[in-house]
Structure formats: C-alpha cells, structure tokens
Amino acid sequence: EEEARKLLEEAKTKCDPVVWPYPIVRHLLGELSAQALLNLATDDDKKTEAQAYAGINLSLSGKPEEALVHLSWVKDNGNKGFIEYALAAAEFNRMGKP
C-alpha cells in the first residue's frame, strides 16, 4: 500500500490537474469520492475508466457489494478495448463472480 501511495503521489505531481485522468489519481488517493469521479466522466471511455477504478477501489476497501455495482457497469457497458475492461473482469473473477 505504501508503494502504491508513493506512485500515486508522484503521478499527481506529474499530471495536468485540468485533464483526464487526473481525477482518477485523486480518487485513488482518497481526495475524490466515487460519485464525484463518475460525475467528471463525460463520455463512455472516461466512464469505463471511472467505473473500473471506483469498483476496484471499493473492492480493495472491503466493500464488495458496492464494488460490484461499478464492475457490473464496466462488464455491461464498458469499452471492451480498454485495459480497465480487462481489469474489471479480472476483479470479477477474483471475487468469484461469473
């Protein structure tokens, strides 16, 4: 967790704060709620990323039922060409969901 935080803090200093994916970094650092992140996702590509990271973050925080809402959105609506789609699918499998 400490290494991940360091990586995110470094990303925060190197990202342009007015463009995507800066809000994702802020969300993963706990500075932006899942709902606030989703509100900033203005197209399906950004929504795929936001839903995936919100879901992963909730899952890793011990909130699997809340995570499934976001991961299901990615599975049903996400851009299949995005790594976040594969990430959401992998988390589904890790959680024992089909």
PDB file of N, CA and C in Angstrom:
ATOM      1  N   GLU A   1       0.825  -1.194   0.000  1.00  0.00           N
ATOM      2  CA  GLU A   1       0.000   0.000   0.000  1.00  0.00           C
ATOM      3  C   GLU A   1       0.872   1.262   0.000  1.00  0.00           C
ATOM      4  N   GLU A   2       1.952   1.218   0.742  1.00  0.00           N
ATOM      5  CA  GLU A   2       2.848   2.381   0.804  1.00  0.00           C
ATOM      6  C   GLU A   2       3.464   2.685  -0.563  1.00  0.00           C
ATOM      7  N   GLU A   3       3.873   1.644  -1.279  1.00  0.00           N
ATOM      8  CA  GLU A   3       4.450   1.833  -2.612  1.00  0.00           C
ATOM      9  C   GLU A   3       3.420   2.381  -3.590  1.00  0.00           C
ATOM     10  N   ALA A   4       2.191   1.884  -3.490  1.00  0.00           N
ATOM     11  CA  ALA A   4       1.126   2.375  -4.365  1.00  0.00           C
ATOM     12  C   ALA A   4       0.856   3.847  -4.098  1.00  0.00           C
ATOM     13  N   ARG A   5       0.832   4.227  -2.825  1.00  0.00           N
ATOM     14  CA  ARG A   5       0.601   5.629  -2.476  1.00  0.00           C
ATOM     15  C   ARG A   5       1.711   6.511  -3.033  1.00  0.00           C
ATOM     16  N   LYS A   6       2.955   6.060  -2.932  1.00  0.00           N
ATOM     17  CA  LYS A   6       4.079   6.829  -3.471  1.00  0.00           C
ATOM     18  C   LYS A   6       3.926   7.031  -4.975  1.00  0.00           C
ATOM     19  N   LEU A   7       3.545   5.962  -5.661  1.00  0.00           N
ATOM     20  CA  LEU A   7       3.344   6.038  -7.106  1.00  0.00           C
ATOM     21  C   LEU A   7       2.241   7.033  -7.455  1.00  0.00           C
ATOM     22  N   LEU A   8       1.135   6.976  -6.712  1.00  0.00           N
ATOM     23  CA  LEU A   8       0.024   7.896  -6.964  1.00  0.00           C
ATOM     24  C   LEU A   8       0.407   9.339  -6.646  1.00  0.00           C
ATOM     25  N   GLU A   9       1.156   9.542  -5.577  1.00  0.00           N
ATOM     26  CA  GLU A   9       1.609  10.907  -5.235  1.00  0.00           C
ATOM     27  C   GLU A   9       2.519  11.456  -6.329  1.00  0.00           C
ATOM     28  N   GLU A  10       3.376  10.608  -6.867  1.00  0.00           N
ATOM     29  CA  GLU A  10       4.246  11.033  -7.964  1.00  0.00           C
ATOM     30  C   GLU A  10       3.424  11.356  -9.205  1.00  0.00           C
ATOM     31  N   ALA A  11       2.446  10.496  -9.508  1.00  0.00           N
ATOM     32  CA  ALA A  11       1.575  10.741 -10.660  1.00  0.00           C
ATOM     33  C   ALA A  11       0.833  12.067 -10.490  1.00  0.00           C
ATOM     34  N   LYS A  12       0.412  12.343  -9.285  1.00  0.00           N
ATOM     35  CA  LYS A  12      -0.323  13.585  -9.024  1.00  0.00           C
ATOM     36  C   LYS A  12       0.532  14.811  -9.346  1.00  0.00           C
ATOM     37  N   THR A  13       1.817  14.746  -9.064  1.00  0.00           N
ATOM     38  CA  THR A  13       2.691  15.893  -9.328  1.00  0.00           C
ATOM     39  C   THR A  13       3.009  16.041 -10.813  1.00  0.00           C
ATOM     40  N   LYS A  14       2.878  14.951 -11.577  1.00  0.00           N
ATOM     41  CA  LYS A  14       3.255  14.985 -12.985  1.00  0.00           C
ATOM     42  C   LYS A  14       2.072  15.125 -13.939  1.00  0.00           C
ATOM     43  N   CYS A  15       0.859  14.940 -13.437  1.00  0.00           N
ATOM     44  CA  CYS A  15      -0.335  15.046 -14.276  1.00  0.00           C
ATOM     45  C   CYS A  15      -0.818  16.491 -14.351  1.00  0.00           C
ATOM     46  N   ASP A  16      -1.446  16.815 -15.445  1.00  0.00           N
ATOM     47  CA  ASP A  16      -2.093  18.113 -15.588  1.00  0.00           C
ATOM     48  C   ASP A  16      -3.422  18.038 -14.840  1.00  0.00           C
ATOM     49  N   PRO A  17      -3.613  18.870 -13.810  1.00  0.00           N
ATOM     50  CA  PRO A  17      -4.804  18.759 -12.973  1.00  0.00           C
ATOM     51  C   PRO A  17      -6.121  19.113 -13.651  1.00  0.00           C
ATOM     52  N   VAL A  18      -6.075  19.635 -14.855  1.00  0.00           N
ATOM     53  CA  VAL A  18      -7.326  20.008 -15.515  1.00  0.00           C
ATOM     54  C   VAL A  18      -7.765  19.018 -16.593  1.00  0.00           C
ATOM     55  N   VAL A  19      -6.985  17.952 -16.791  1.00  0.00           N
ATOM     56  CA  VAL A  19      -7.348  16.976 -17.820  1.00  0.00           C
ATOM     57  C   VAL A  19      -7.485  15.581 -17.212  1.00  0.00           C
ATOM     58  N   TRP A  20      -8.231  14.770 -17.909  1.00  0.00           N
ATOM     59  CA  TRP A  20      -8.386  13.367 -17.547  1.00  0.00           C
ATOM     60  C   TRP A  20      -7.052  12.678 -17.798  1.00  0.00           C
ATOM     61  N   PRO A  21      -6.562  11.827 -16.971  1.00  0.00           N
ATOM     62  CA  PRO A  21      -7.140  11.048 -15.893  1.00  0.00           C
ATOM     63  C   PRO A  21      -6.820  11.558 -14.490  1.00  0.00           C
ATOM     64  N   TYR A  22      -6.468  12.844 -14.370  1.00  0.00           N
ATOM     65  CA  TYR A  22      -6.130  13.385 -13.055  1.00  0.00           C
ATOM     66  C   TYR A  22      -7.185  13.059 -11.993  1.00  0.00           C
ATOM     67  N   PRO A  23      -8.482  13.156 -12.283  1.00  0.00           N
ATOM     68  CA  PRO A  23      -9.475  12.814 -11.256  1.00  0.00           C
ATOM     69  C   PRO A  23      -9.360  11.369 -10.750  1.00  0.00           C
ATOM     70  N   ILE A  24      -8.910  10.463 -11.592  1.00  0.00           N
ATOM     71  CA  ILE A  24      -8.739   9.074 -11.145  1.00  0.00           C
ATOM     72  C   ILE A  24      -7.645   8.996 -10.087  1.00  0.00           C
ATOM     73  N   VAL A  25      -6.553   9.687 -10.318  1.00  0.00           N
ATOM     74  CA  VAL A  25      -5.464   9.720  -9.339  1.00  0.00           C
ATOM     75  C   VAL A  25      -5.978  10.290  -8.015  1.00  0.00           C
ATOM     76  N   ARG A  26      -6.710  11.379  -8.091  1.00  0.00           N
ATOM     77  CA  ARG A  26      -7.273  11.977  -6.867  1.00  0.00           C
ATOM     78  C   ARG A  26      -8.210  11.010  -6.152  1.00  0.00           C
ATOM     79  N   HIS A  27      -9.027  10.274  -6.917  1.00  0.00           N
ATOM     80  CA  HIS A  27      -9.936   9.305  -6.314  1.00  0.00           C
ATOM     81  C   HIS A  27      -9.148   8.209  -5.596  1.00  0.00           C
ATOM     82  N   LEU A  28      -8.140   7.672  -6.250  1.00  0.00           N
ATOM     83  CA  LEU A  28      -7.362   6.596  -5.648  1.00  0.00           C
ATOM     84  C   LEU A  28      -6.577   7.058  -4.427  1.00  0.00           C
ATOM     85  N   LEU A  29      -6.305   8.351  -4.348  1.00  0.00           N
ATOM     86  CA  LEU A  29      -5.653   8.912  -3.161  1.00  0.00           C
ATOM     87  C   LEU A  29      -6.655   9.252  -2.062  1.00  0.00           C
ATOM     88  N   GLY A  30      -7.932   9.069  -2.331  1.00  0.00           N
ATOM     89  CA  GLY A  30      -8.960   9.352  -1.335  1.00  0.00           C
ATOM     90  C   GLY A  30      -9.379  10.810  -1.283  1.00  0.00           C
ATOM     91  N   GLU A  31      -9.003  11.581  -2.289  1.00  0.00           N
ATOM     92  CA  GLU A  31      -9.323  13.010  -2.328  1.00  0.00           C
ATOM     93  C   GLU A  31     -10.624  13.303  -3.068  1.00  0.00           C
ATOM     94  N   LEU A  32     -11.169  12.308  -3.740  1.00  0.00           N
ATOM     95  CA  LEU A  32     -12.363  12.496  -4.561  1.00  0.00           C
ATOM     96  C   LEU A  32     -13.227  11.251  -4.405  1.00  0.00           C
ATOM     97  N   SER A  33     -14.489  11.456  -4.081  1.00  0.00           N
ATOM     98  CA  SER A  33     -15.395  10.312  -3.903  1.00  0.00           C
ATOM     99  C   SER A  33     -15.664   9.624  -5.237  1.00  0.00           C
ATOM    100  N   ALA A  34     -16.183   8.400  -5.148  1.00  0.00           N
ATOM    101  CA  ALA A  34     -16.542   7.669  -6.361  1.00  0.00           C
ATOM    102  C   ALA A  34     -17.588   8.442  -7.158  1.00  0.00           C
ATOM    103  N   GLN A  35     -18.573   8.987  -6.469  1.00  0.00           N
ATOM    104  CA  GLN A  35     -19.625   9.727  -7.177  1.00  0.00           C
ATOM    105  C   GLN A  35     -19.071  10.974  -7.855  1.00  0.00           C
ATOM    106  N   ALA A  36     -18.173  11.680  -7.178  1.00  0.00           N
ATOM    107  CA  ALA A  36     -17.567  12.868  -7.783  1.00  0.00           C
ATOM    108  C   ALA A  36     -16.750  12.477  -9.010  1.00  0.00           C
ATOM    109  N   LEU A  37     -16.042  11.362  -8.922  1.00  0.00           N
ATOM    110  CA  LEU A  37     -15.279  10.877 -10.072  1.00  0.00           C
ATOM    111  C   LEU A  37     -16.203  10.559 -11.235  1.00  0.00           C
ATOM    112  N   LEU A  38     -17.283   9.849 -10.959  1.00  0.00           N
ATOM    113  CA  LEU A  38     -18.233   9.489 -12.017  1.00  0.00           C
ATOM    114  C   LEU A  38     -18.876  10.721 -12.637  1.00  0.00           C
ATOM    115  N   ASN A  39     -19.106  11.742 -11.838  1.00  0.00           N
ATOM    116  CA  ASN A  39     -19.686  12.985 -12.360  1.00  0.00           C
ATOM    117  C   ASN A  39     -18.756  13.676 -13.349  1.00  0.00           C
ATOM    118  N   LEU A  40     -17.455  13.451 -13.204  1.00  0.00           N
ATOM    119  CA  LEU A  40     -16.475  14.079 -14.091  1.00  0.00           C
ATOM    120  C   LEU A  40     -16.236  13.283 -15.375  1.00  0.00           C
ATOM    121  N   ALA A  41     -16.720  12.063 -15.413  1.00  0.00           N
ATOM    122  CA  ALA A  41     -16.551  11.209 -16.594  1.00  0.00           C
ATOM    123  C   ALA A  41     -17.592  11.609 -17.640  1.00  0.00           C
ATOM    124  N   THR A  42     -17.145  12.269 -18.692  1.00  0.00           N
ATOM    125  CA  THR A  42     -18.059  12.908 -19.637  1.00  0.00           C
ATOM    126  C   THR A  42     -18.362  12.095 -20.899  1.00  0.00           C
ATOM    127  N   ASP A  43     -17.706  10.955 -21.066  1.00  0.00           N
ATOM    128  CA  ASP A  43     -18.015  10.100 -22.218  1.00  0.00           C
ATOM    129  C   ASP A  43     -17.840   8.642 -21.803  1.00  0.00           C
ATOM    130  N   ASP A  44     -18.204   7.729 -22.692  1.00  0.00           N
ATOM    131  CA  ASP A  44     -18.175   6.310 -22.330  1.00  0.00           C
ATOM    132  C   ASP A  44     -16.769   5.799 -22.033  1.00  0.00           C
ATOM    133  N   ASP A  45     -15.771   6.345 -22.694  1.00  0.00           N
ATOM    134  CA  ASP A  45     -14.397   5.921 -22.410  1.00  0.00           C
ATOM    135  C   ASP A  45     -13.998   6.310 -20.987  1.00  0.00           C
ATOM    136  N   LYS A  46     -14.278   7.542 -20.629  1.00  0.00           N
ATOM    137  CA  LYS A  46     -13.962   8.003 -19.272  1.00  0.00           C
ATOM    138  C   LYS A  46     -14.817   7.278 -18.240  1.00  0.00           C
ATOM    139  N   LYS A  47     -16.056   7.010 -18.595  1.00  0.00           N
ATOM    140  CA  LYS A  47     -16.929   6.269 -17.679  1.00  0.00           C
ATOM    141  C   LYS A  47     -16.408   4.853 -17.461  1.00  0.00           C
ATOM    142  N   THR A  48     -15.881   4.231 -18.510  1.00  0.00           N
ATOM    143  CA  THR A  48     -15.290   2.901 -18.367  1.00  0.00           C
ATOM    144  C   THR A  48     -14.165   2.946 -17.343  1.00  0.00           C
ATOM    145  N   GLU A  49     -13.295   3.920 -17.480  1.00  0.00           N
ATOM    146  CA  GLU A  49     -12.170   4.046 -16.549  1.00  0.00           C
ATOM    147  C   GLU A  49     -12.647   4.374 -15.139  1.00  0.00           C
ATOM    148  N   ALA A  50     -13.536   5.339 -15.021  1.00  0.00           N
ATOM    149  CA  ALA A  50     -14.009   5.766 -13.700  1.00  0.00           C
ATOM    150  C   ALA A  50     -14.733   4.637 -12.980  1.00  0.00           C
ATOM    151  N   GLN A  51     -15.622   3.955 -13.676  1.00  0.00           N
ATOM    152  CA  GLN A  51     -16.366   2.861 -13.058  1.00  0.00           C
ATOM    153  C   GLN A  51     -15.412   1.739 -12.629  1.00  0.00           C
ATOM    154  N   ALA A  52     -14.442   1.418 -13.467  1.00  0.00           N
ATOM    155  CA  ALA A  52     -13.496   0.348 -13.151  1.00  0.00           C
ATOM    156  C   ALA A  52     -12.678   0.688 -11.911  1.00  0.00           C
ATOM    157  N   TYR A  53     -12.116   1.888 -11.874  1.00  0.00           N
ATOM    158  CA  TYR A  53     -11.274   2.248 -10.728  1.00  0.00           C
ATOM    159  C   TYR A  53     -12.090   2.436  -9.458  1.00  0.00           C
ATOM    160  N   ALA A  54     -13.292   2.954  -9.582  1.00  0.00           N
ATOM    161  CA  ALA A  54     -14.170   3.054  -8.410  1.00  0.00           C
ATOM    162  C   ALA A  54     -14.471   1.658  -7.875  1.00  0.00           C
ATOM    163  N   GLY A  55     -14.761   0.729  -8.774  1.00  0.00           N
ATOM    164  CA  GLY A  55     -15.053  -0.637  -8.367  1.00  0.00           C
ATOM    165  C   GLY A  55     -13.871  -1.321  -7.710  1.00  0.00           C
ATOM    166  N   ILE A  56     -12.711  -1.200  -8.311  1.00  0.00           N
ATOM    167  CA  ILE A  56     -11.501  -1.804  -7.743  1.00  0.00           C
ATOM    168  C   ILE A  56     -11.206  -1.202  -6.380  1.00  0.00           C
ATOM    169  N   ASN A  57     -11.301   0.104  -6.284  1.00  0.00           N
ATOM    170  CA  ASN A  57     -11.023   0.784  -5.018  1.00  0.00           C
ATOM    171  C   ASN A  57     -11.979   0.307  -3.922  1.00  0.00           C
ATOM    172  N   LEU A  58     -13.258   0.186  -4.243  1.00  0.00           N
ATOM    173  CA  LEU A  58     -14.231  -0.294  -3.267  1.00  0.00           C
ATOM    174  C   LEU A  58     -13.973  -1.754  -2.892  1.00  0.00           C
ATOM    175  N   SER A  59     -13.631  -2.567  -3.859  1.00  0.00           N
ATOM    176  CA  SER A  59     -13.342  -3.963  -3.581  1.00  0.00           C
ATOM    177  C   SER A  59     -12.153  -4.103  -2.637  1.00  0.00           C
ATOM    178  N   LEU A  60     -11.085  -3.367  -2.927  1.00  0.00           N
ATOM    179  CA  LEU A  60      -9.895  -3.423  -2.084  1.00  0.00           C
ATOM    180  C   LEU A  60     -10.129  -2.805  -0.711  1.00  0.00           C
ATOM    181  N   SER A  61     -11.173  -1.987  -0.596  1.00  0.00           N
ATOM    182  CA  SER A  61     -11.519  -1.366   0.685  1.00  0.00           C
ATOM    183  C   SER A  61     -12.490  -2.222   1.488  1.00  0.00           C
ATOM    184  N   GLY A  62     -12.763  -3.436   1.006  1.00  0.00           N
ATOM    185  CA  GLY A  62     -13.641  -4.339   1.738  1.00  0.00           C
ATOM    186  C   GLY A  62     -15.119  -4.055   1.561  1.00  0.00           C
ATOM    187  N   LYS A  63     -15.487  -3.470   0.417  1.00  0.00           N
ATOM    188  CA  LYS A  63     -16.883  -3.158   0.129  1.00  0.00           C
ATOM    189  C   LYS A  63     -17.300  -3.851  -1.171  1.00  0.00           C
ATOM    190  N   PRO A  64     -17.347  -5.185  -1.150  1.00  0.00           N
ATOM    191  CA  PRO A  64     -17.582  -5.921  -2.401  1.00  0.00           C
ATOM    192  C   PRO A  64     -18.935  -5.659  -3.049  1.00  0.00           C
ATOM    193  N   GLU A  65     -19.984  -5.498  -2.267  1.00  0.00           N
ATOM    194  CA  GLU A  65     -21.309  -5.270  -2.868  1.00  0.00           C
ATOM    195  C   GLU A  65     -21.354  -3.933  -3.600  1.00  0.00           C
ATOM    196  N   GLU A  66     -20.751  -2.906  -3.009  1.00  0.00           N
ATOM    197  CA  GLU A  66     -20.685  -1.598  -3.682  1.00  0.00           C
ATOM    198  C   GLU A  66     -19.799  -1.690  -4.919  1.00  0.00           C
ATOM    199  N   ALA A  67     -18.719  -2.449  -4.802  1.00  0.00           N
ATOM    200  CA  ALA A  67     -17.799  -2.610  -5.928  1.00  0.00           C
ATOM    201  C   ALA A  67     -18.492  -3.254  -7.118  1.00  0.00           C
ATOM    202  N   LEU A  68     -19.329  -4.236  -6.848  1.00  0.00           N
ATOM    203  CA  LEU A  68     -20.000  -4.967  -7.928  1.00  0.00           C
ATOM    204  C   LEU A  68     -20.879  -4.071  -8.789  1.00  0.00           C
ATOM    205  N   VAL A  69     -21.443  -3.033  -8.203  1.00  0.00           N
ATOM    206  CA  VAL A  69     -22.264  -2.090  -8.973  1.00  0.00           C
ATOM    207  C   VAL A  69     -21.412  -1.468 -10.087  1.00  0.00           C
ATOM    208  N   HIS A  70     -20.226  -1.030  -9.736  1.00  0.00           N
ATOM    209  CA  HIS A  70     -19.345  -0.360 -10.704  1.00  0.00           C
ATOM    210  C   HIS A  70     -18.739  -1.363 -11.686  1.00  0.00           C
ATOM    211  N   LEU A  71     -18.289  -2.490 -11.154  1.00  0.00           N
ATOM    212  CA  LEU A  71     -17.693  -3.503 -12.025  1.00  0.00           C
ATOM    213  C   LEU A  71     -18.715  -4.060 -13.012  1.00  0.00           C
ATOM    214  N   SER A  72     -19.954  -4.198 -12.564  1.00  0.00           N
ATOM    215  CA  SER A  72     -21.024  -4.655 -13.460  1.00  0.00           C
ATOM    216  C   SER A  72     -21.269  -3.656 -14.574  1.00  0.00           C
ATOM    217  N   TRP A  73     -21.201  -2.372 -14.248  1.00  0.00           N
ATOM    218  CA  TRP A  73     -21.381  -1.355 -15.280  1.00  0.00           C
ATOM    219  C   TRP A  73     -20.318  -1.534 -16.361  1.00  0.00           C
ATOM    220  N   VAL A  74     -19.082  -1.748 -15.935  1.00  0.00           N
ATOM    221  CA  VAL A  74     -17.996  -1.923 -16.906  1.00  0.00           C
ATOM    222  C   VAL A  74     -18.262  -3.167 -17.755  1.00  0.00           C
ATOM    223  N   LYS A  75     -18.645  -4.247 -17.105  1.00  0.00           N
ATOM    224  CA  LYS A  75     -18.908  -5.502 -17.820  1.00  0.00           C
ATOM    225  C   LYS A  75     -20.025  -5.329 -18.852  1.00  0.00           C
ATOM    226  N   ASP A  76     -21.061  -4.583 -18.495  1.00  0.00           N
ATOM    227  CA  ASP A  76     -22.232  -4.428 -19.365  1.00  0.00           C
ATOM    228  C   ASP A  76     -22.114  -3.288 -20.372  1.00  0.00           C
ATOM    229  N   ASN A  77     -21.380  -2.249 -20.025  1.00  0.00           N
ATOM    230  CA  ASN A  77     -21.377  -1.031 -20.845  1.00  0.00           C
ATOM    231  C   ASN A  77     -19.996  -0.517 -21.245  1.00  0.00           C
ATOM    232  N   GLY A  78     -18.961  -1.062 -20.637  1.00  0.00           N
ATOM    233  CA  GLY A  78     -17.621  -0.514 -20.822  1.00  0.00           C
ATOM    234  C   GLY A  78     -17.037  -0.762 -22.202  1.00  0.00           C
ATOM    235  N   ASN A  79     -16.025   0.012 -22.510  1.00  0.00           N
ATOM    236  CA  ASN A  79     -15.294  -0.107 -23.761  1.00  0.00           C
ATOM    237  C   ASN A  79     -14.409  -1.350 -23.664  1.00  0.00           C
ATOM    238  N   LYS A  80     -14.734  -2.377 -24.441  1.00  0.00           N
ATOM    239  CA  LYS A  80     -14.044  -3.666 -24.370  1.00  0.00           C
ATOM    240  C   LYS A  80     -12.571  -3.581 -24.791  1.00  0.00           C
ATOM    241  N   GLY A  81     -12.189  -2.518 -25.457  1.00  0.00           N
ATOM    242  CA  GLY A  81     -10.802  -2.348 -25.873  1.00  0.00           C
ATOM    243  C   GLY A  81      -9.914  -1.732 -24.817  1.00  0.00           C
ATOM    244  N   PHE A  82     -10.478  -1.341 -23.702  1.00  0.00           N
ATOM    245  CA  PHE A  82      -9.713  -0.677 -22.644  1.00  0.00           C
ATOM    246  C   PHE A  82      -9.163  -1.697 -21.653  1.00  0.00           C
ATOM    247  N   ILE A  83      -7.973  -1.437 -21.138  1.00  0.00           N
ATOM    248  CA  ILE A  83      -7.374  -2.296 -20.114  1.00  0.00           C
ATOM    249  C   ILE A  83      -8.263  -2.336 -18.872  1.00  0.00           C
ATOM    250  N   GLU A  84      -8.994  -1.262 -18.615  1.00  0.00           N
ATOM    251  CA  GLU A  84      -9.876  -1.225 -17.452  1.00  0.00           C
ATOM    252  C   GLU A  84     -11.014  -2.235 -17.574  1.00  0.00           C
ATOM    253  N   TYR A  85     -11.403  -2.557 -18.797  1.00  0.00           N
ATOM    254  CA  TYR A  85     -12.418  -3.593 -19.005  1.00  0.00           C
ATOM    255  C   TYR A  85     -11.865  -4.935 -18.533  1.00  0.00           C
ATOM    256  N   ALA A  86     -10.642  -5.235 -18.945  1.00  0.00           N
ATOM    257  CA  ALA A  86      -9.991  -6.480 -18.520  1.00  0.00           C
ATOM    258  C   ALA A  86      -9.743  -6.477 -17.012  1.00  0.00           C
ATOM    259  N   LEU A  87      -9.398  -5.336 -16.478  1.00  0.00           N
ATOM    260  CA  LEU A  87      -9.178  -5.205 -15.033  1.00  0.00           C
ATOM    261  C   LEU A  87     -10.459  -5.499 -14.264  1.00  0.00           C
ATOM    262  N   ALA A  88     -11.572  -4.959 -14.720  1.00  0.00           N
ATOM    263  CA  ALA A  88     -12.864  -5.206 -14.067  1.00  0.00           C
ATOM    264  C   ALA A  88     -13.233  -6.682 -14.163  1.00  0.00           C
ATOM    265  N   ALA A  89     -12.995  -7.294 -15.325  1.00  0.00           N
ATOM    266  CA  ALA A  89     -13.287  -8.717 -15.493  1.00  0.00           C
ATOM    267  C   ALA A  89     -12.427  -9.558 -14.557  1.00  0.00           C
ATOM    268  N   ALA A  90     -11.164  -9.198 -14.423  1.00  0.00           N
ATOM    269  CA  ALA A  90     -10.267  -9.933 -13.531  1.00  0.00           C
ATOM    270  C   ALA A  90     -10.723  -9.802 -12.077  1.00  0.00           C
ATOM    271  N   GLU A  91     -11.188  -8.638 -11.712  1.00  0.00           N
ATOM    272  CA  GLU A  91     -11.667  -8.445 -10.336  1.00  0.00           C
ATOM    273  C   GLU A  91     -12.938  -9.245 -10.100  1.00  0.00           C
ATOM    274  N   PHE A  92     -13.810  -9.300 -11.088  1.00  0.00           N
ATOM    275  CA  PHE A  92     -14.996 -10.154 -11.003  1.00  0.00           C
ATOM    276  C   PHE A  92     -14.580 -11.592 -10.696  1.00  0.00           C
ATOM    277  N   ASN A  93     -13.614 -12.087 -11.466  1.00  0.00           N
ATOM    278  CA  ASN A  93     -13.140 -13.459 -11.261  1.00  0.00           C
ATOM    279  C   ASN A  93     -12.518 -13.634  -9.877  1.00  0.00           C
ATOM    280  N   ARG A  94     -11.738 -12.671  -9.446  1.00  0.00           N
ATOM    281  CA  ARG A  94     -11.107 -12.742  -8.139  1.00  0.00           C
ATOM    282  C   ARG A  94     -12.156 -12.794  -7.031  1.00  0.00           C
ATOM    283  N   MET A  95     -13.270 -12.100  -7.251  1.00  0.00           N
ATOM    284  CA  MET A  95     -14.353 -12.069  -6.267  1.00  0.00           C
ATOM    285  C   MET A  95     -15.252 -13.305  -6.371  1.00  0.00           C
ATOM    286  N   GLY A  96     -14.965 -14.178  -7.345  1.00  0.00           N
ATOM    287  CA  GLY A  96     -15.753 -15.392  -7.512  1.00  0.00           C
ATOM    288  C   GLY A  96     -17.073 -15.171  -8.217  1.00  0.00           C
ATOM    289  N   LYS A  97     -17.163 -14.115  -9.011  1.00  0.00           N
ATOM    290  CA  LYS A  97     -18.380 -13.812  -9.767  1.00  0.00           C
ATOM    291  C   LYS A  97     -18.180 -14.224 -11.224  1.00  0.00           C
ATOM    292  N   PRO A  98     -19.236 -14.714 -11.873  1.00  0.00           N
ATOM    293  CA  PRO A  98     -19.103 -15.137 -13.287  1.00  0.00           C
ATOM    294  C   PRO A  98     -18.997 -13.953 -14.234  1.00  0.00           C
TER     295      PRO A  98
END
